[in-house]
Amino acid sequence: PSAEDRYGSAAVATTNERDQHPLLGRRVRAAHPLWESSLGSDRLAYLDDHLIQGTVVFPGAAYVEMALTAANGDGSPISVRNVGFKRALFLPERKRTLVQLGLDAAGTQFEVHASNGDATSAWTLHASGEIAKPTSDARQTVDIHDIRARCTNEVSHDDCYAALARRGLEYGPAFRGIEQLWTGPDEAIGR
C-alpha cells in the first residue's frame, strides 16, 4: 500500500497507532505532506540505547528512515541525498519530544523539525535533504568479495564497540548490530 494508504489520507489523519510508522507517526492535515510523531512511545524505548557522550541523541539513520518512508508512496526505488544534519536532537526528555517530517509539494525535499511538546515551544530544524528516483547510471553493483579482500584487518564485536565508546559513541544493546568488522584503507565491511 502507498504511504498515504498506510498513514492516512491528506484530508484525515490516521489515529490508529498500530498502522503508524513508529518514527514517522501519523499523517497530518496540511498544505504539503506532513507527518508527526511523539518519541514518548514505549515502542521507541530502544532510542535510549543511542548515546553520544552520555546523552541520548536521535540517530542520523532515523532521519533517513523517516524520509524514505514518507517519500516512497508508490513503492518505486528512491534515494535520499545531500542529507544535512543541522542540529543534534538531544533526547533528555524523550517522552515530551514531538517530531515532524515535511515534504515540499513536489516531494523532492524533506525537513525534520522537533519541539519539546510545550504549546509555546518553537520548532527546531534538525535535518533536511533531497529525495530522488535513482537514475540508471546511479545503479552500480558492488562486489562484496572484492571489498572483503581489500579489508584485511579483522575487528571483533567487542573491540569495535570499545573503540566507538572511546570516541564517545555509547551504544546499548539495540544499537549493537555489528557482529564482525573488517577494515582496510578508507573502507570497511561488516556483518
C-alpha atoms as a PDB file:
ATOM      1  CA  PRO A   1       0.000   0.000   0.000  1.00  0.00           C
ATOM      2  CA  SER A   2       1.032   3.586  -0.526  1.00  0.00           C
ATOM      3  CA  ALA A   3       2.297   5.772   2.313  1.00  0.00           C
ATOM      4  CA  GLU A   4      -0.959   7.700   2.071  1.00  0.00           C
ATOM      5  CA  ASP A   5      -2.947   4.459   2.466  1.00  0.00           C
ATOM      6  CA  ARG A   6      -0.782   3.286   5.364  1.00  0.00           C
ATOM      7  CA  TYR A   7      -0.502   6.549   7.259  1.00  0.00           C
ATOM      8  CA  GLY A   8      -3.738   8.385   6.471  1.00  0.00           C
ATOM      9  CA  SER A   9      -5.080  10.439   3.615  1.00  0.00           C
ATOM     10  CA  ALA A  10      -4.209  14.078   3.087  1.00  0.00           C
ATOM     11  CA  ALA A  11      -7.609  15.077   4.470  1.00  0.00           C
ATOM     12  CA  VAL A  12      -7.797  12.872   7.555  1.00  0.00           C
ATOM     13  CA  ALA A  13      -5.008  11.933   9.933  1.00  0.00           C
ATOM     14  CA  THR A  14      -4.667   8.308  10.954  1.00  0.00           C
ATOM     15  CA  THR A  15      -5.266   7.775  14.644  1.00  0.00           C
ATOM     16  CA  ASN A  16      -4.764   4.008  14.771  1.00  0.00           C
ATOM     17  CA  GLU A  17      -1.292   3.702  16.357  1.00  0.00           C
ATOM     18  CA  ARG A  18      -0.900   0.158  15.036  1.00  0.00           C
ATOM     19  CA  ASP A  19      -0.988   1.464  11.445  1.00  0.00           C
ATOM     20  CA  GLN A  20       1.555   4.208  12.069  1.00  0.00           C
ATOM     21  CA  HIS A  21       5.240   4.034  11.303  1.00  0.00           C
ATOM     22  CA  PRO A  22       6.996   4.158  14.715  1.00  0.00           C
ATOM     23  CA  LEU A  23       9.273   7.080  13.778  1.00  0.00           C
ATOM     24  CA  LEU A  24       7.254   8.864  11.089  1.00  0.00           C
ATOM     25  CA  GLY A  25       3.984   8.727  13.027  1.00  0.00           C
ATOM     26  CA  ARG A  26       0.703   9.894  11.597  1.00  0.00           C
ATOM     27  CA  ARG A  27      -0.084  11.928   8.502  1.00  0.00           C
ATOM     28  CA  VAL A  28      -1.315  15.400   9.491  1.00  0.00           C
ATOM     29  CA  ARG A  29      -3.752  17.521   7.520  1.00  0.00           C
ATOM     30  CA  ALA A  30      -1.550  20.229   5.972  1.00  0.00           C
ATOM     31  CA  ALA A  31      -0.942  22.058   2.702  1.00  0.00           C
ATOM     32  CA  HIS A  32       2.111  19.891   1.979  1.00  0.00           C
ATOM     33  CA  PRO A  33       2.747  16.287   3.074  1.00  0.00           C
ATOM     34  CA  LEU A  34       3.441  16.344   6.818  1.00  0.00           C
ATOM     35  CA  TRP A  35       3.795  13.632   9.465  1.00  0.00           C
ATOM     36  CA  GLU A  36       4.042  13.986  13.228  1.00  0.00           C
ATOM     37  CA  SER A  37       5.243  11.565  15.855  1.00  0.00           C
ATOM     38  CA  SER A  38       5.767  11.580  19.600  1.00  0.00           C
ATOM     39  CA  LEU A  39       9.007   9.942  20.649  1.00  0.00           C
ATOM     40  CA  GLY A  40       7.445   9.080  24.006  1.00  0.00           C
ATOM     41  CA  SER A  41       6.009   5.761  22.844  1.00  0.00           C
ATOM     42  CA  ASP A  42       7.206   2.711  24.758  1.00  0.00           C
ATOM     43  CA  ARG A  43       7.918   1.028  21.424  1.00  0.00           C
ATOM     44  CA  LEU A  44      10.649   3.659  20.905  1.00  0.00           C
ATOM     45  CA  ALA A  45      12.407   2.883  24.202  1.00  0.00           C
ATOM     46  CA  TYR A  46      15.294   1.469  22.147  1.00  0.00           C
ATOM     47  CA  LEU A  47      16.299   5.082  21.361  1.00  0.00           C
ATOM     48  CA  ASP A  48      17.606   5.277  24.934  1.00  0.00           C
ATOM     49  CA  ASP A  49      20.414   2.923  23.787  1.00  0.00           C
ATOM     50  CA  HIS A  50      21.807   5.574  21.391  1.00  0.00           C
ATOM     51  CA  LEU A  51      24.076   7.805  23.471  1.00  0.00           C
ATOM     52  CA  ILE A  52      26.745  10.258  22.486  1.00  0.00           C
ATOM     53  CA  GLN A  53      28.957  11.343  25.347  1.00  0.00           C
ATOM     54  CA  GLY A  54      26.366  10.160  27.860  1.00  0.00           C
ATOM     55  CA  THR A  55      23.334  11.882  26.287  1.00  0.00           C
ATOM     56  CA  VAL A  56      20.555  10.198  24.316  1.00  0.00           C
ATOM     57  CA  VAL A  57      20.616  11.528  20.734  1.00  0.00           C
ATOM     58  CA  PHE A  58      18.191  10.812  17.888  1.00  0.00           C
ATOM     59  CA  PRO A  59      20.107   8.639  15.364  1.00  0.00           C
ATOM     60  CA  GLY A  60      21.056  10.048  11.976  1.00  0.00           C
ATOM     61  CA  ALA A  61      19.741   6.894  10.302  1.00  0.00           C
ATOM     62  CA  ALA A  62      16.311   7.619  11.821  1.00  0.00           C
ATOM     63  CA  TYR A  63      16.001  10.828   9.763  1.00  0.00           C
ATOM     64  CA  VAL A  64      16.806   8.877   6.605  1.00  0.00           C
ATOM     65  CA  GLU A  65      14.320   6.111   7.510  1.00  0.00           C
ATOM     66  CA  MET A  66      11.587   8.697   8.031  1.00  0.00           C
ATOM     67  CA  ALA A  67      12.303  10.421   4.707  1.00  0.00           C
ATOM     68  CA  LEU A  68      12.403   7.150   2.764  1.00  0.00           C
ATOM     69  CA  THR A  69       9.112   6.004   4.286  1.00  0.00           C
ATOM     70  CA  ALA A  70       7.344   9.333   3.682  1.00  0.00           C
ATOM     71  CA  ALA A  71       8.529   9.614   0.079  1.00  0.00           C
ATOM     72  CA  ASN A  72       8.053   6.013  -1.002  1.00  0.00           C
ATOM     73  CA  GLY A  73       4.290   6.185  -1.530  1.00  0.00           C
ATOM     74  CA  ASP A  74       4.223   4.179  -4.758  1.00  0.00           C
ATOM     75  CA  GLY A  75       6.858   1.612  -3.776  1.00  0.00           C
ATOM     76  CA  SER A  76       9.297   2.581  -6.538  1.00  0.00           C
ATOM     77  CA  PRO A  77      13.019   2.801  -5.782  1.00  0.00           C
ATOM     78  CA  ILE A  78      14.075   6.131  -4.302  1.00  0.00           C
ATOM     79  CA  SER A  79      17.193   7.561  -2.784  1.00  0.00           C
ATOM     80  CA  VAL A  80      17.885  10.156  -0.127  1.00  0.00           C
ATOM     81  CA  ARG A  81      20.728  12.512  -0.982  1.00  0.00           C
ATOM     82  CA  ASN A  82      22.543  15.506   0.418  1.00  0.00           C
ATOM     83  CA  VAL A  83      21.261  14.942   3.939  1.00  0.00           C
ATOM     84  CA  GLY A  84      22.273  17.809   6.174  1.00  0.00           C
ATOM     85  CA  PHE A  85      22.276  17.323   9.920  1.00  0.00           C
ATOM     86  CA  LYS A  86      21.601  20.872  11.112  1.00  0.00           C
ATOM     87  CA  ARG A  87      21.456  20.340  14.848  1.00  0.00           C
ATOM     88  CA  ALA A  88      21.623  17.237  17.023  1.00  0.00           C
ATOM     89  CA  LEU A  89      18.289  16.220  18.535  1.00  0.00           C
ATOM     90  CA  PHE A  90      19.138  15.539  22.178  1.00  0.00           C
ATOM     91  CA  LEU A  91      16.503  13.494  23.986  1.00  0.00           C
ATOM     92  CA  PRO A  92      16.927  14.036  27.738  1.00  0.00           C
ATOM     93  CA  GLU A  93      13.124  14.037  27.972  1.00  0.00           C
ATOM     94  CA  ARG A  94      12.246  11.736  25.080  1.00  0.00           C
ATOM     95  CA  LYS A  95       8.648  11.361  26.285  1.00  0.00           C
ATOM     96  CA  ARG A  96       7.967  15.085  25.667  1.00  0.00           C
ATOM     97  CA  THR A  97       9.540  15.306  22.202  1.00  0.00           C
ATOM     98  CA  LEU A  98       7.429  15.764  19.062  1.00  0.00           C
ATOM     99  CA  VAL A  99       8.990  15.268  15.629  1.00  0.00           C
ATOM    100  CA  GLN A 100       7.581  16.418  12.295  1.00  0.00           C
ATOM    101  CA  LEU A 101       8.757  15.445   8.827  1.00  0.00           C
ATOM    102  CA  GLY A 102       7.535  17.586   5.963  1.00  0.00           C
ATOM    103  CA  LEU A 103       7.938  17.162   2.223  1.00  0.00           C
ATOM    104  CA  ASP A 104       7.764  20.003  -0.265  1.00  0.00           C
ATOM    105  CA  ALA A 105       4.882  19.995  -2.756  1.00  0.00           C
ATOM    106  CA  ALA A 106       6.962  18.149  -5.373  1.00  0.00           C
ATOM    107  CA  GLY A 107       8.104  15.509  -2.865  1.00  0.00           C
ATOM    108  CA  THR A 108      11.761  16.175  -3.671  1.00  0.00           C
ATOM    109  CA  GLN A 109      12.881  17.901  -0.444  1.00  0.00           C
ATOM    110  CA  PHE A 110      12.332  16.999   3.192  1.00  0.00           C
ATOM    111  CA  GLU A 111      12.860  18.656   6.548  1.00  0.00           C
ATOM    112  CA  VAL A 112      12.670  17.225  10.051  1.00  0.00           C
ATOM    113  CA  HIS A 113      11.767  19.539  12.923  1.00  0.00           C
ATOM    114  CA  ALA A 114      11.302  18.806  16.630  1.00  0.00           C
ATOM    115  CA  SER A 115       9.713  20.508  19.606  1.00  0.00           C
ATOM    116  CA  ASN A 116       9.513  19.644  23.293  1.00  0.00           C
ATOM    117  CA  GLY A 117       5.724  19.346  23.096  1.00  0.00           C
ATOM    118  CA  ASP A 118       5.020  22.552  25.022  1.00  0.00           C
ATOM    119  CA  ALA A 119       2.424  24.695  23.219  1.00  0.00           C
ATOM    120  CA  THR A 120       4.762  27.706  23.386  1.00  0.00           C
ATOM    121  CA  SER A 121       7.876  25.809  22.298  1.00  0.00           C
ATOM    122  CA  ALA A 122       9.427  26.634  18.931  1.00  0.00           C
ATOM    123  CA  TRP A 123      10.142  24.020  16.269  1.00  0.00           C
ATOM    124  CA  THR A 124      13.836  23.447  15.535  1.00  0.00           C
ATOM    125  CA  LEU A 125      15.167  22.210  12.191  1.00  0.00           C
ATOM    126  CA  HIS A 126      17.337  19.127  12.777  1.00  0.00           C
ATOM    127  CA  ALA A 127      17.809  17.594   9.321  1.00  0.00           C
ATOM    128  CA  SER A 128      16.977  18.172   5.678  1.00  0.00           C
ATOM    129  CA  GLY A 129      17.732  16.561   2.366  1.00  0.00           C
ATOM    130  CA  GLU A 130      16.681  15.613  -1.135  1.00  0.00           C
ATOM    131  CA  ILE A 131      14.614  12.694  -2.369  1.00  0.00           C
ATOM    132  CA  ALA A 132      15.086  11.344  -5.880  1.00  0.00           C
ATOM    133  CA  LYS A 133      14.457   8.329  -8.012  1.00  0.00           C
ATOM    134  CA  PRO A 134      17.804   6.763  -8.865  1.00  0.00           C
ATOM    135  CA  THR A 135      18.965   7.245 -12.420  1.00  0.00           C
ATOM    136  CA  SER A 136      20.129   4.248 -14.399  1.00  0.00           C
ATOM    137  CA  ASP A 137      23.756   5.414 -14.212  1.00  0.00           C
ATOM    138  CA  ALA A 138      23.473   5.675 -10.407  1.00  0.00           C
ATOM    139  CA  ARG A 139      22.733   1.978 -10.055  1.00  0.00           C
ATOM    140  CA  GLN A 140      26.052   0.309  -9.504  1.00  0.00           C
ATOM    141  CA  THR A 141      26.781  -3.200  -8.435  1.00  0.00           C
ATOM    142  CA  VAL A 142      29.149  -3.732  -5.564  1.00  0.00           C
ATOM    143  CA  ASP A 143      31.203  -6.881  -5.244  1.00  0.00           C
ATOM    144  CA  ILE A 144      31.383  -7.502  -1.503  1.00  0.00           C
ATOM    145  CA  HIS A 145      34.010 -10.196  -2.060  1.00  0.00           C
ATOM    146  CA  ASP A 146      36.349  -7.601  -3.606  1.00  0.00           C
ATOM    147  CA  ILE A 147      35.776  -5.236  -0.689  1.00  0.00           C
ATOM    148  CA  ARG A 148      36.352  -8.045   1.806  1.00  0.00           C
ATOM    149  CA  ALA A 149      39.620  -8.953   0.034  1.00  0.00           C
ATOM    150  CA  ARG A 150      40.864  -5.360   0.456  1.00  0.00           C
ATOM    151  CA  CYS A 151      39.768  -5.159   4.111  1.00  0.00           C
ATOM    152  CA  THR A 152      42.230  -7.428   5.874  1.00  0.00           C
ATOM    153  CA  ASN A 153      42.182  -6.010   9.423  1.00  0.00           C
ATOM    154  CA  GLU A 154      39.648  -8.051  11.431  1.00  0.00           C
ATOM    155  CA  VAL A 155      37.939  -6.259  14.337  1.00  0.00           C
ATOM    156  CA  SER A 156      35.814  -8.210  16.825  1.00  0.00           C
ATOM    157  CA  HIS A 157      32.372  -7.140  18.003  1.00  0.00           C
ATOM    158  CA  ASP A 158      33.737  -6.184  21.445  1.00  0.00           C
ATOM    159  CA  ASP A 159      36.733  -4.294  20.042  1.00  0.00           C
ATOM    160  CA  CYS A 160      34.509  -2.415  17.580  1.00  0.00           C
ATOM    161  CA  TYR A 161      32.173  -1.122  20.295  1.00  0.00           C
ATOM    162  CA  ALA A 162      35.053  -0.411  22.689  1.00  0.00           C
ATOM    163  CA  ALA A 163      36.682   1.777  20.016  1.00  0.00           C
ATOM    164  CA  LEU A 164      33.393   3.596  19.411  1.00  0.00           C
ATOM    165  CA  ALA A 165      32.928   4.144  23.165  1.00  0.00           C
ATOM    166  CA  ARG A 166      36.401   5.717  23.358  1.00  0.00           C
ATOM    167  CA  ARG A 167      35.117   8.241  20.797  1.00  0.00           C
ATOM    168  CA  GLY A 168      32.019   8.989  22.910  1.00  0.00           C
ATOM    169  CA  LEU A 169      29.605   6.798  20.909  1.00  0.00           C
ATOM    170  CA  GLU A 170      27.936   4.656  23.559  1.00  0.00           C
ATOM    171  CA  TYR A 171      25.638   2.088  22.000  1.00  0.00           C
ATOM    172  CA  GLY A 172      23.352  -0.067  24.116  1.00  0.00           C
ATOM    173  CA  PRO A 173      22.029  -3.482  23.020  1.00  0.00           C
ATOM    174  CA  ALA A 174      19.538  -2.081  20.489  1.00  0.00           C
ATOM    175  CA  PHE A 175      22.369  -0.424  18.541  1.00  0.00           C
ATOM    176  CA  ARG A 176      24.952  -3.214  18.636  1.00  0.00           C
ATOM    177  CA  GLY A 177      24.198  -4.894  15.327  1.00  0.00           C
ATOM    178  CA  ILE A 178      27.776  -5.313  14.116  1.00  0.00           C
ATOM    179  CA  GLU A 179      28.861  -8.905  14.686  1.00  0.00           C
ATOM    180  CA  GLN A 180      32.153  -8.776  12.814  1.00  0.00           C
ATOM    181  CA  LEU A 181      34.062  -5.977  11.113  1.00  0.00           C
ATOM    182  CA  TRP A 182      36.947  -5.872   8.649  1.00  0.00           C
ATOM    183  CA  THR A 183      38.734  -2.631   7.813  1.00  0.00           C
ATOM    184  CA  GLY A 184      41.093  -1.509   5.104  1.00  0.00           C
ATOM    185  CA  PRO A 185      42.431   1.766   3.741  1.00  0.00           C
ATOM    186  CA  ASP A 186      39.434   4.148   3.521  1.00  0.00           C
ATOM    187  CA  GLU A 187      36.780   1.409   3.685  1.00  0.00           C
ATOM    188  CA  ALA A 188      35.251  -1.234   5.896  1.00  0.00           C
ATOM    189  CA  ILE A 189      32.815  -4.095   5.607  1.00  0.00           C
ATOM    190  CA  GLY A 190      30.803  -5.641   8.372  1.00  0.00           C
ATOM    191  CA  ARG A 191      28.436  -8.453   9.153  1.00  0.00           C
END
